[in-house]
Protein backbone atom coordinates (compact mmCIF):
# COMPACT_ATOMS: atom_id res chain seq x y z
CA MET A 1 -43.48 29.41 27.17
CA HIS A 2 -45.42 32.01 29.08
CA ASN A 3 -45.34 35.63 28.17
CA LYS A 4 -42.95 37.64 30.22
CA ILE A 5 -44.56 40.48 32.23
CA VAL A 6 -42.27 43.50 32.40
CA TYR A 7 -42.94 45.74 35.41
CA THR A 8 -42.26 49.41 35.05
CA PRO A 9 -42.65 52.43 37.39
CA ASP A 10 -45.90 54.39 37.12
CA GLY A 11 -46.87 57.75 38.34
CA PRO A 12 -45.07 61.17 38.92
CA GLY A 13 -41.41 61.22 37.97
CA ALA A 14 -41.84 58.31 35.41
CA ALA A 15 -39.92 59.18 32.31
CA PRO A 16 -42.22 60.28 29.28
CA GLU A 17 -42.87 57.52 26.86
CA THR A 18 -44.64 56.63 23.60
CA PHE A 19 -47.36 54.03 23.18
CA PHE A 20 -47.82 52.69 19.66
CA LEU A 21 -51.39 52.08 18.68
CA THR A 22 -53.08 49.79 16.17
CA HIS A 23 -56.70 49.14 15.34
CA TYR A 24 -57.02 45.24 15.19
CA HIS A 25 -60.06 43.68 13.51
CA SER A 26 -61.11 40.32 14.99
CA PRO A 27 -64.10 38.05 14.73
CA LEU A 28 -65.35 39.80 17.98
CA GLY A 29 -64.96 43.34 16.63
CA THR A 30 -62.36 45.95 16.63
CA TYR A 31 -59.75 46.07 19.44
CA LEU A 32 -57.15 48.84 20.23
CA LEU A 33 -53.76 47.41 20.70
CA ALA A 34 -51.15 49.49 22.42
CA GLY A 35 -47.53 48.69 22.92
CA SER A 36 -44.47 50.30 24.44
CA GLN A 37 -40.71 49.71 23.71
CA ARG A 38 -41.02 46.97 26.30
CA GLY A 39 -44.16 45.08 25.34
CA VAL A 40 -47.89 44.98 25.19
CA VAL A 41 -49.50 47.64 27.29
CA CYS A 42 -53.19 47.15 26.29
CA VAL A 43 -55.63 45.14 24.34
CA ALA A 44 -59.12 46.80 24.67
CA SER A 45 -62.39 46.55 22.80
CA GLU A 46 -63.35 49.55 20.77
CA GLU A 47 -65.91 50.37 23.40
CA GLU A 48 -63.13 50.56 26.13
CA ALA A 49 -60.55 52.26 23.95
CA PRO A 50 -61.69 55.89 24.28
CA SER A 51 -61.35 55.91 28.11
CA ARG A 52 -57.88 54.24 27.85
CA ILE A 53 -56.81 56.83 25.38
CA SER A 54 -58.05 59.72 27.46
CA ARG A 55 -56.15 58.25 30.56
CA TRP A 56 -52.99 58.01 28.57
CA GLU A 57 -53.27 61.54 27.16
CA ARG A 58 -53.76 62.85 30.77
CA GLY A 59 -50.69 60.87 31.73
CA ASN A 60 -48.64 62.83 29.07
CA ILE A 61 -48.04 59.66 27.10
CA GLU A 62 -47.33 60.22 23.41
CA LEU A 63 -49.69 58.20 21.29
CA ARG A 64 -48.62 57.23 17.82
CA TYR A 65 -50.46 54.96 15.40
CA ASP A 66 -47.92 52.34 14.12
CA ASP A 67 -49.24 48.99 12.74
CA ALA A 68 -45.56 47.61 12.37
CA HIS A 69 -44.91 48.07 16.01
CA ASN A 70 -47.74 45.91 16.94
CA ARG A 71 -47.47 43.37 14.18
CA ALA A 72 -46.21 40.47 16.31
CA LEU A 73 -49.16 40.93 18.64
CA ALA A 74 -51.63 41.09 15.69
CA LEU A 75 -50.19 37.90 14.22
CA GLN A 76 -50.45 36.10 17.58
CA LEU A 77 -54.03 37.25 17.91
CA ASP A 78 -54.78 36.09 14.30
CA ALA A 79 -53.36 32.62 15.27
CA TYR A 80 -55.38 32.58 18.44
CA PHE A 81 -58.61 33.33 16.63
CA ALA A 82 -57.91 30.67 14.02
CA GLY A 83 -57.34 28.18 16.70
CA ARG A 84 -53.62 27.75 16.14
CA LEU A 85 -52.31 29.50 19.23
CA ARG A 86 -52.88 28.33 22.81
CA GLN A 87 -50.37 30.54 24.70
CA PHE A 88 -49.28 34.07 23.94
CA THR A 89 -45.55 34.58 24.09
CA ILE A 90 -45.36 38.26 23.37
CA PRO A 91 -43.71 40.28 26.19
CA LEU A 92 -46.10 42.37 28.33
CA ASP A 93 -45.61 45.80 29.85
CA LEU A 94 -48.65 45.93 32.13
CA ARG A 95 -49.24 48.91 34.40
CA GLY A 96 -50.95 48.30 37.77
CA THR A 97 -50.64 47.93 41.44
CA PRO A 98 -48.54 45.11 42.89
CA PHE A 99 -51.74 43.16 43.79
CA GLN A 100 -53.19 43.60 40.30
CA ARG A 101 -49.85 42.45 38.71
CA ARG A 102 -49.99 39.39 40.91
CA VAL A 103 -53.52 38.60 39.77
CA TRP A 104 -52.58 39.22 36.07
CA LYS A 105 -49.72 36.84 36.43
CA LEU A 106 -51.94 34.11 37.82
CA LEU A 107 -54.32 34.74 34.87
CA CYS A 108 -51.42 34.05 32.39
CA GLY A 109 -50.99 30.62 34.09
CA ILE A 110 -54.51 29.53 33.55
CA PRO A 111 -54.27 26.93 30.67
CA PHE A 112 -56.03 27.32 27.41
CA GLY A 113 -59.53 25.89 27.54
CA GLU A 114 -59.67 25.81 31.34
CA THR A 115 -61.42 28.12 33.80
CA ARG A 116 -60.81 29.21 37.44
CA THR A 117 -63.10 30.92 39.87
CA TYR A 118 -62.29 34.19 41.64
CA ARG A 119 -62.09 32.20 44.73
CA GLN A 120 -59.57 29.77 43.38
CA LEU A 121 -57.37 32.76 42.34
CA ALA A 122 -57.66 34.32 45.76
CA GLU A 123 -56.62 30.98 47.38
CA ALA A 124 -53.71 30.76 45.04
CA LEU A 125 -52.58 34.12 46.19
CA GLY A 126 -52.76 32.99 49.76
CA ARG A 127 -55.77 35.35 50.42
CA PRO A 128 -58.76 33.17 50.40
CA ASN A 129 -61.15 35.91 51.57
CA ALA A 130 -59.94 38.26 48.72
CA ALA A 131 -62.26 36.95 45.92
CA ARG A 132 -63.81 40.39 45.38
CA ALA A 133 -60.39 42.11 45.24
CA VAL A 134 -59.34 39.46 42.70
CA GLY A 135 -62.50 40.33 40.69
CA ARG A 136 -61.61 44.00 40.61
CA ALA A 137 -58.06 43.27 39.63
CA ASN A 138 -59.39 40.87 36.95
CA GLY A 139 -61.80 43.55 35.76
CA SER A 140 -58.89 46.11 35.35
CA ASN A 141 -56.78 43.83 33.28
CA PRO A 142 -55.48 46.03 30.41
CA ALA A 143 -54.62 43.26 27.98
CA ALA A 144 -57.81 41.30 27.28
CA ILE A 145 -57.49 38.05 25.56
CA VAL A 146 -53.59 37.94 25.87
CA VAL A 147 -53.83 38.09 29.74
CA PRO A 148 -56.95 35.56 29.83
CA CYS A 149 -59.32 37.17 32.23
CA HIS A 150 -62.14 35.61 30.20
CA ARG A 151 -61.08 32.25 31.80
CA VAL A 152 -62.36 33.43 35.26
CA ILE A 153 -65.97 32.53 36.09
CA GLY A 154 -68.19 32.74 39.16
CA SER A 155 -68.12 30.08 41.84
CA ASN A 156 -71.44 28.74 40.58
CA GLY A 157 -69.95 28.20 37.25
CA LYS A 158 -71.70 31.15 35.51
CA LEU A 159 -70.01 33.74 33.40
CA THR A 160 -69.67 36.96 35.25
CA GLY A 161 -68.29 40.39 34.59
CA TYR A 162 -66.15 40.98 31.52
CA ALA A 163 -65.21 44.58 30.35
CA GLY A 164 -65.64 43.65 26.65
CA GLY A 165 -69.16 42.22 27.28
CA LEU A 166 -70.31 38.74 28.34
CA HIS A 167 -70.97 37.78 24.68
CA ARG A 168 -67.29 38.18 23.95
CA LYS A 169 -66.35 36.21 27.04
CA LYS A 170 -68.63 33.39 26.01
CA ALA A 171 -67.32 33.42 22.50
CA LEU A 172 -63.74 33.21 23.71
CA LEU A 173 -64.39 30.32 26.07
CA ASP A 174 -66.22 28.69 23.17
CA LEU A 175 -63.36 29.25 20.90
CA GLU A 176 -61.14 27.56 23.48
CA ALA A 177 -63.54 24.65 23.81
CA ARG A 178 -63.07 24.26 20.09
CA LYS A 179 -66.54 25.39 19.18
CA VAL A 180 -67.37 27.42 16.18
CA LEU A 181 -66.76 31.13 16.99
CA GLU A 182 -70.09 32.76 16.84
CA VAL A 183 -70.85 36.05 18.45
CA SER A 184 -74.27 36.93 19.45
CA PRO A 185 -75.24 40.61 19.84
CA LYS A 186 -74.95 42.15 23.12
């Protein structure tokens, strides 16, 4: 079962809401988990977290630390890192443009242990010349690991761009290839 992506309105006039935050400690470092009443809003490395928090505060979103709210996500991440989970099933509440949301939905369809190129995703969208736009949407994915943007590689087969660092991208792909999870420094 694929995780369900819930689309919600953004921007002026949107009702004020609360995001529930948790610091999650993984083999790849600490991540910030954020959830709304509808689902997962964000999974970001600790390096990315401050800019996300700042953006939410400017957007008048109440931020509340609440480990219990994000427990189901943390348990699924634990199972993923232990090699027992191949598909996240937790609901998602992703915020982005319609194009970004289409790309993120495609990312959720890339099977565990497989990769796709930016070009393949652009072609799947019916826009074969939009590989760069797909790359930008992939790079703005708010829910790392859960929405598996790490499964997208360059057309030459090389690892390219990953907000959490290429060392994490390689470690995630190695994990999915059933290799021992080892993280080399940046």
